[in-house]
Each structure stands twice: as C-alpha cells, then as structure tokens.
Amino acid sequence: MHPNSNEEILKEVEKAENQISDRIADNMETFGVSSTVGRVLGIIYMNRSPMTLDELAESTGMSKTRMSQVMRQMMALNIAEKEFVKGSRKEHYTVESNYIQTFISLFTTNWKEVVSRNITLERRLRDHITKLEQNLEDDPSPEIQEKISRLKQELDDWAAYYDWINRLVAFFESGEILKAVPVKSPESQDKKK
C-alpha cells in the first residue's frame, strides 16, 4: 500500500525520522553513552531547531528534571549547547548537526577522560614503587627485584599507550583526521553505485 494523501505521507516521513532517531540512540551505546542521550540527540537533530526542556520532556515522556540532567550530560560530552532564542525566556538546546563532528566530540571526550584517569593511576603507582624501593633491604631477593622491574616496565608500556591515545585524540580534535580520512560527498558516493 502506497500512501497517497498528504496526511499519510506525513505519517510515513515521521516514521522514517523516528527510525533515524532510534538508530542514533542505538549508536550512542557504541561510545559508552546511554541510549537516552542518543534518543534526545536524535529528537533535537530531527527537529532541526532548538528545543526547550518542556518540549524535550514531552517528546520523550521524561520529566523535566530528568531532561535537565540529560542535557547537562550532553553538554559535558560537547554534543549539545544552549542557544539563545529571541523573545523566549526559556532555555533552548541545540545539538551538533554534523555527524562527523558529533563522532569526534564523543570519541575525544570519552578518551580524554580515560587517559586522565589512567595517567593519574600510573603516577600514583610509580610513587608507590619508588617508596617501596626506598624501603627495600640492602640486598632484596631476586624475586622482588624481578617483580619491581616487570611492574616498572608495565608502567612504561602503559604510559606509552596512553600517550599514543592522547596524540590520537589531538589528531581528531585538530581536524587532521579529516585530511587523512576525508569525508566523501553524497554526490561522490552516488557515482560509485
């Protein structure tokens, strides 16, 4: 059955928009982000204009308080921001409309947090090992020497790994990634089909 009235066509378009919004929500889990954040991202994105907390709460069926928490989380992930709307006292929120920039923001924000936590742990463990070495007897057993040596090597490897991730994050944030892996226009994709 093919829709033929404007009303039926509008329903089909809205159905397709909901499918895109749902897929965005599903994709967020890949980044370790809740599907709720993805759902709100999709709703604002498909709305194509800023939305208030009231509008978002109504669209999602969530409370305004919960919606406020979700928006704070989205702003912390650099995928949403407040936008001034002339003539309105309410806060309006918008999202990044570029899928690639959203990916970069999610990727870099999550990995920066991981790097920060792990570098802090690495420093703490190095300090602890240094203190242990200072308390060693004059002639520590070969087993202790070997374990400390292996642990130091592990921490060196760990530091190198997180340094690499940090540089990868910088590569994404600088936009250099787009030179290495350029975005192809929809027109160039159509030519390949």
C-alpha atoms as a PDB file:
ATOM      1  CA  MET A   1       0.000   0.000   0.000  1.00  0.00           C
ATOM      2  CA  HIS A   2       1.393   3.352  -1.044  1.00  0.00           C
ATOM      3  CA  PRO A   3       0.467   6.428   0.939  1.00  0.00           C
ATOM      4  CA  ASN A   4      -1.359   8.891  -1.261  1.00  0.00           C
ATOM      5  CA  SER A   5      -2.792  11.600   0.958  1.00  0.00           C
ATOM      6  CA  ASN A   6      -0.674  14.358   2.491  1.00  0.00           C
ATOM      7  CA  GLU A   7      -1.587  13.048   5.929  1.00  0.00           C
ATOM      8  CA  GLU A   8      -0.435   9.503   5.097  1.00  0.00           C
ATOM      9  CA  ILE A   9       2.794  10.792   3.534  1.00  0.00           C
ATOM     10  CA  LEU A  10       3.472  12.969   6.585  1.00  0.00           C
ATOM     11  CA  LYS A  11       2.997   9.931   8.858  1.00  0.00           C
ATOM     12  CA  GLU A  12       5.460   7.930   6.731  1.00  0.00           C
ATOM     13  CA  VAL A  13       8.034  10.742   6.849  1.00  0.00           C
ATOM     14  CA  GLU A  14       7.642  10.990  10.638  1.00  0.00           C
ATOM     15  CA  LYS A  15       8.047   7.213  10.875  1.00  0.00           C
ATOM     16  CA  ALA A  16      11.320   7.432   8.912  1.00  0.00           C
ATOM     17  CA  GLU A  17      12.516  10.306  11.130  1.00  0.00           C
ATOM     18  CA  ASN A  18      11.745   8.209  14.215  1.00  0.00           C
ATOM     19  CA  GLN A  19      13.758   5.332  12.760  1.00  0.00           C
ATOM     20  CA  ILE A  20      16.750   7.639  12.276  1.00  0.00           C
ATOM     21  CA  SER A  21      16.332   8.976  15.801  1.00  0.00           C
ATOM     22  CA  ASP A  22      16.135   5.432  17.196  1.00  0.00           C
ATOM     23  CA  ARG A  23      19.273   4.403  15.285  1.00  0.00           C
ATOM     24  CA  ILE A  24      21.161   7.416  16.664  1.00  0.00           C
ATOM     25  CA  ALA A  25      20.108   6.291  20.156  1.00  0.00           C
ATOM     26  CA  ASP A  26      21.334   2.742  19.476  1.00  0.00           C
ATOM     27  CA  ASN A  27      24.642   4.042  18.106  1.00  0.00           C
ATOM     28  CA  MET A  28      25.362   6.024  21.279  1.00  0.00           C
ATOM     29  CA  GLU A  29      25.930   2.789  23.184  1.00  0.00           C
ATOM     30  CA  THR A  30      28.959   2.206  20.946  1.00  0.00           C
ATOM     31  CA  PHE A  31      30.509   5.281  22.577  1.00  0.00           C
ATOM     32  CA  GLY A  32      29.600   4.176  26.076  1.00  0.00           C
ATOM     33  CA  VAL A  33      26.852   6.801  26.156  1.00  0.00           C
ATOM     34  CA  SER A  34      23.330   5.983  27.239  1.00  0.00           C
ATOM     35  CA  SER A  35      20.688   5.443  24.612  1.00  0.00           C
ATOM     36  CA  THR A  36      18.704   8.173  26.408  1.00  0.00           C
ATOM     37  CA  VAL A  37      21.348  10.707  25.370  1.00  0.00           C
ATOM     38  CA  GLY A  38      21.193   9.316  21.853  1.00  0.00           C
ATOM     39  CA  ARG A  39      17.432   9.494  21.795  1.00  0.00           C
ATOM     40  CA  VAL A  40      17.449  13.161  22.855  1.00  0.00           C
ATOM     41  CA  LEU A  41      20.226  13.900  20.355  1.00  0.00           C
ATOM     42  CA  GLY A  42      18.134  12.329  17.606  1.00  0.00           C
ATOM     43  CA  ILE A  43      14.991  14.198  18.602  1.00  0.00           C
ATOM     44  CA  ILE A  44      16.700  17.593  18.592  1.00  0.00           C
ATOM     45  CA  TYR A  45      18.596  16.759  15.415  1.00  0.00           C
ATOM     46  CA  MET A  46      15.462  15.697  13.542  1.00  0.00           C
ATOM     47  CA  ASN A  47      13.575  18.746  14.890  1.00  0.00           C
ATOM     48  CA  ARG A  48      16.218  20.876  13.130  1.00  0.00           C
ATOM     49  CA  SER A  49      15.728  23.767  15.527  1.00  0.00           C
ATOM     50  CA  PRO A  50      16.475  24.404  19.207  1.00  0.00           C
ATOM     51  CA  MET A  51      14.119  22.867  21.746  1.00  0.00           C
ATOM     52  CA  THR A  52      13.199  23.700  25.346  1.00  0.00           C
ATOM     53  CA  LEU A  53      13.298  21.256  28.245  1.00  0.00           C
ATOM     54  CA  ASP A  54       9.493  21.243  28.215  1.00  0.00           C
ATOM     55  CA  GLU A  55       9.402  20.280  24.537  1.00  0.00           C
ATOM     56  CA  LEU A  56      12.022  17.584  25.063  1.00  0.00           C
ATOM     57  CA  ALA A  57      10.249  16.207  28.124  1.00  0.00           C
ATOM     58  CA  GLU A  58       7.029  15.987  26.141  1.00  0.00           C
ATOM     59  CA  SER A  59       8.751  14.335  23.167  1.00  0.00           C
ATOM     60  CA  THR A  60      10.471  11.718  25.304  1.00  0.00           C
ATOM     61  CA  GLY A  61       7.932  11.203  28.069  1.00  0.00           C
ATOM     62  CA  MET A  62      10.618  12.016  30.646  1.00  0.00           C
ATOM     63  CA  SER A  63      10.340  14.501  33.465  1.00  0.00           C
ATOM     64  CA  LYS A  64      11.745  17.980  33.036  1.00  0.00           C
ATOM     65  CA  THR A  65      14.213  17.251  35.859  1.00  0.00           C
ATOM     66  CA  ARG A  66      15.498  14.136  34.098  1.00  0.00           C
ATOM     67  CA  MET A  67      15.680  16.042  30.826  1.00  0.00           C
ATOM     68  CA  SER A  68      17.785  18.716  32.516  1.00  0.00           C
ATOM     69  CA  GLN A  69      20.213  16.012  33.712  1.00  0.00           C
ATOM     70  CA  VAL A  70      20.431  14.535  30.211  1.00  0.00           C
ATOM     71  CA  MET A  71      21.131  17.953  28.701  1.00  0.00           C
ATOM     72  CA  ARG A  72      23.923  18.610  31.218  1.00  0.00           C
ATOM     73  CA  GLN A  73      25.432  15.257  30.289  1.00  0.00           C
ATOM     74  CA  MET A  74      25.172  16.092  26.585  1.00  0.00           C
ATOM     75  CA  MET A  75      26.835  19.471  27.103  1.00  0.00           C
ATOM     76  CA  ALA A  76      29.655  17.776  29.046  1.00  0.00           C
ATOM     77  CA  LEU A  77      30.124  15.479  26.033  1.00  0.00           C
ATOM     78  CA  ASN A  78      30.291  18.552  23.746  1.00  0.00           C
ATOM     79  CA  ILE A  79      27.359  17.378  21.635  1.00  0.00           C
ATOM     80  CA  ALA A  80      24.770  19.933  22.792  1.00  0.00           C
ATOM     81  CA  GLU A  81      24.702  23.551  23.812  1.00  0.00           C
ATOM     82  CA  LYS A  82      22.311  26.227  24.944  1.00  0.00           C
ATOM     83  CA  GLU A  83      21.132  28.569  22.256  1.00  0.00           C
ATOM     84  CA  PHE A  84      19.542  31.964  22.690  1.00  0.00           C
ATOM     85  CA  VAL A  85      16.119  32.270  21.089  1.00  0.00           C
ATOM     86  CA  LYS A  86      14.905  35.837  20.749  1.00  0.00           C
ATOM     87  CA  GLY A  87      11.625  36.520  22.512  1.00  0.00           C
ATOM     88  CA  SER A  88      11.807  33.456  24.767  1.00  0.00           C
ATOM     89  CA  ARG A  89      12.807  33.336  28.401  1.00  0.00           C
ATOM     90  CA  LYS A  90      13.198  29.576  28.364  1.00  0.00           C
ATOM     91  CA  GLU A  91      16.496  27.894  27.728  1.00  0.00           C
ATOM     92  CA  HIS A  92      16.716  26.256  24.336  1.00  0.00           C
ATOM     93  CA  TYR A  93      19.117  23.489  23.420  1.00  0.00           C
ATOM     94  CA  THR A  94      20.602  22.550  20.120  1.00  0.00           C
ATOM     95  CA  VAL A  95      22.892  19.736  19.022  1.00  0.00           C
ATOM     96  CA  GLU A  96      25.756  19.417  16.604  1.00  0.00           C
ATOM     97  CA  SER A  97      24.163  18.757  13.229  1.00  0.00           C
ATOM     98  CA  ASN A  98      27.311  17.303  11.676  1.00  0.00           C
ATOM     99  CA  TYR A  99      27.518  13.550  12.305  1.00  0.00           C
ATOM    100  CA  ILE A 100      31.291  13.534  11.929  1.00  0.00           C
ATOM    101  CA  GLN A 101      31.788  16.337  14.452  1.00  0.00           C
ATOM    102  CA  THR A 102      29.450  14.524  16.860  1.00  0.00           C
ATOM    103  CA  PHE A 103      31.577  11.395  16.446  1.00  0.00           C
ATOM    104  CA  ILE A 104      34.775  13.367  17.069  1.00  0.00           C
ATOM    105  CA  SER A 105      33.291  15.045  20.155  1.00  0.00           C
ATOM    106  CA  LEU A 106      32.108  11.752  21.642  1.00  0.00           C
ATOM    107  CA  PHE A 107      35.333   9.937  20.799  1.00  0.00           C
ATOM    108  CA  THR A 108      37.638  12.631  22.163  1.00  0.00           C
ATOM    109  CA  THR A 109      35.622  13.467  25.276  1.00  0.00           C
ATOM    110  CA  ASN A 110      35.414   9.824  26.362  1.00  0.00           C
ATOM    111  CA  TRP A 111      39.063   9.042  25.634  1.00  0.00           C
ATOM    112  CA  LYS A 112      40.360  12.206  27.337  1.00  0.00           C
ATOM    113  CA  GLU A 113      38.590  11.081  30.485  1.00  0.00           C
ATOM    114  CA  VAL A 114      40.041   7.565  30.213  1.00  0.00           C
ATOM    115  CA  VAL A 115      43.549   8.930  29.631  1.00  0.00           C
ATOM    116  CA  SER A 116      43.296  11.327  32.557  1.00  0.00           C
ATOM    117  CA  ARG A 117      42.165   8.598  34.979  1.00  0.00           C
ATOM    118  CA  ASN A 118      44.859   6.178  33.866  1.00  0.00           C
ATOM    119  CA  ILE A 119      47.710   8.703  33.878  1.00  0.00           C
ATOM    120  CA  THR A 120      46.743   9.618  37.435  1.00  0.00           C
ATOM    121  CA  LEU A 121      46.838   5.947  38.434  1.00  0.00           C
ATOM    122  CA  GLU A 122      50.176   5.438  36.660  1.00  0.00           C
ATOM    123  CA  ARG A 123      51.739   8.354  38.603  1.00  0.00           C
ATOM    124  CA  ARG A 124      50.343   7.049  41.883  1.00  0.00           C
ATOM    125  CA  LEU A 125      51.741   3.570  41.218  1.00  0.00           C
ATOM    126  CA  ARG A 126      55.178   4.965  40.258  1.00  0.00           C
ATOM    127  CA  ASP A 127      55.290   6.952  43.507  1.00  0.00           C
ATOM    128  CA  HIS A 128      54.304   3.839  45.425  1.00  0.00           C
ATOM    129  CA  ILE A 129      57.027   1.765  43.750  1.00  0.00           C
ATOM    130  CA  THR A 130      59.616   4.450  44.488  1.00  0.00           C
ATOM    131  CA  LYS A 131      58.648   4.371  48.164  1.00  0.00           C
ATOM    132  CA  LEU A 132      58.801   0.580  48.185  1.00  0.00           C
ATOM    133  CA  GLU A 133      62.287   0.663  46.641  1.00  0.00           C
ATOM    134  CA  GLN A 134      63.424   3.150  49.274  1.00  0.00           C
ATOM    135  CA  ASN A 135      62.249   0.742  51.980  1.00  0.00           C
ATOM    136  CA  LEU A 136      63.943  -2.289  50.451  1.00  0.00           C
ATOM    137  CA  GLU A 137      66.623  -4.031  52.362  1.00  0.00           C
ATOM    138  CA  ASP A 138      70.184  -3.623  51.086  1.00  0.00           C
ATOM    139  CA  ASP A 139      70.005  -6.943  49.340  1.00  0.00           C
ATOM    140  CA  PRO A 140      66.439  -7.564  48.083  1.00  0.00           C
ATOM    141  CA  SER A 141      65.589 -11.022  46.854  1.00  0.00           C
ATOM    142  CA  PRO A 142      65.823 -11.679  43.098  1.00  0.00           C
ATOM    143  CA  GLU A 143      62.079 -12.333  43.097  1.00  0.00           C
ATOM    144  CA  ILE A 144      61.333  -8.838  44.465  1.00  0.00           C
ATOM    145  CA  GLN A 145      63.792  -7.234  42.060  1.00  0.00           C
ATOM    146  CA  GLU A 146      62.207  -9.079  39.123  1.00  0.00           C
ATOM    147  CA  LYS A 147      58.635  -8.149  40.150  1.00  0.00           C
ATOM    148  CA  ILE A 148      59.536  -4.477  40.607  1.00  0.00           C
ATOM    149  CA  SER A 149      61.385  -4.457  37.286  1.00  0.00           C
ATOM    150  CA  ARG A 150      58.402  -6.030  35.482  1.00  0.00           C
ATOM    151  CA  LEU A 151      55.995  -3.599  37.139  1.00  0.00           C
ATOM    152  CA  LYS A 152      58.120  -0.611  36.075  1.00  0.00           C
ATOM    153  CA  GLN A 153      58.210  -1.950  32.512  1.00  0.00           C
ATOM    154  CA  GLU A 154      54.444  -2.401  32.569  1.00  0.00           C
ATOM    155  CA  LEU A 155      54.010   1.195  33.721  1.00  0.00           C
ATOM    156  CA  ASP A 156      56.360   2.398  30.950  1.00  0.00           C
ATOM    157  CA  ASP A 157      54.251   0.477  28.400  1.00  0.00           C
ATOM    158  CA  TRP A 158      51.089   1.846  29.993  1.00  0.00           C
ATOM    159  CA  ALA A 159      52.408   5.439  29.788  1.00  0.00           C
ATOM    160  CA  ALA A 160      53.393   4.959  26.123  1.00  0.00           C
ATOM    161  CA  TYR A 161      49.923   3.577  25.326  1.00  0.00           C
ATOM    162  CA  TYR A 162      48.072   6.470  26.943  1.00  0.00           C
ATOM    163  CA  ASP A 163      50.457   8.965  25.341  1.00  0.00           C
ATOM    164  CA  TRP A 164      49.536   7.421  21.980  1.00  0.00           C
ATOM    165  CA  ILE A 165      45.808   7.740  22.757  1.00  0.00           C
ATOM    166  CA  ASN A 166      46.358  11.351  23.817  1.00  0.00           C
ATOM    167  CA  ARG A 167      48.061  12.090  20.491  1.00  0.00           C
ATOM    168  CA  LEU A 168      45.269  10.285  18.637  1.00  0.00           C
ATOM    169  CA  VAL A 169      42.699  12.460  20.433  1.00  0.00           C
ATOM    170  CA  ALA A 170      44.684  15.570  19.431  1.00  0.00           C
ATOM    171  CA  PHE A 171      44.744  14.271  15.833  1.00  0.00           C
ATOM    172  CA  PHE A 172      40.943  14.067  15.876  1.00  0.00           C
ATOM    173  CA  GLU A 173      40.408  17.387  17.655  1.00  0.00           C
ATOM    174  CA  SER A 174      42.750  19.276  15.323  1.00  0.00           C
ATOM    175  CA  GLY A 175      40.782  18.098  12.305  1.00  0.00           C
ATOM    176  CA  GLU A 176      43.863  16.384  10.859  1.00  0.00           C
ATOM    177  CA  ILE A 177      41.873  13.146  10.823  1.00  0.00           C
ATOM    178  CA  LEU A 178      39.727  14.650   8.063  1.00  0.00           C
ATOM    179  CA  LYS A 179      42.822  15.116   5.894  1.00  0.00           C
ATOM    180  CA  ALA A 180      43.889  11.506   6.474  1.00  0.00           C
ATOM    181  CA  VAL A 181      40.356  10.146   6.031  1.00  0.00           C
ATOM    182  CA  PRO A 182      38.412  12.753   4.049  1.00  0.00           C
ATOM    183  CA  VAL A 183      34.649  12.856   4.075  1.00  0.00           C
ATOM    184  CA  LYS A 184      33.189  11.930   0.719  1.00  0.00           C
ATOM    185  CA  SER A 185      30.308  13.998  -0.528  1.00  0.00           C
ATOM    186  CA  PRO A 186      26.987  12.275  -1.178  1.00  0.00           C
ATOM    187  CA  GLU A 187      27.493  13.018  -4.886  1.00  0.00           C
ATOM    188  CA  SER A 188      30.752  11.031  -4.992  1.00  0.00           C
ATOM    189  CA  GLN A 189      29.014   8.155  -3.207  1.00  0.00           C
ATOM    190  CA  ASP A 190      26.241   8.138  -5.835  1.00  0.00           C
ATOM    191  CA  LYS A 191      28.799   7.858  -8.668  1.00  0.00           C
ATOM    192  CA  LYS A 192      30.135   4.601  -7.200  1.00  0.00           C
ATOM    193  CA  LYS A 193      26.709   2.924  -7.210  1.00  0.00           C
END
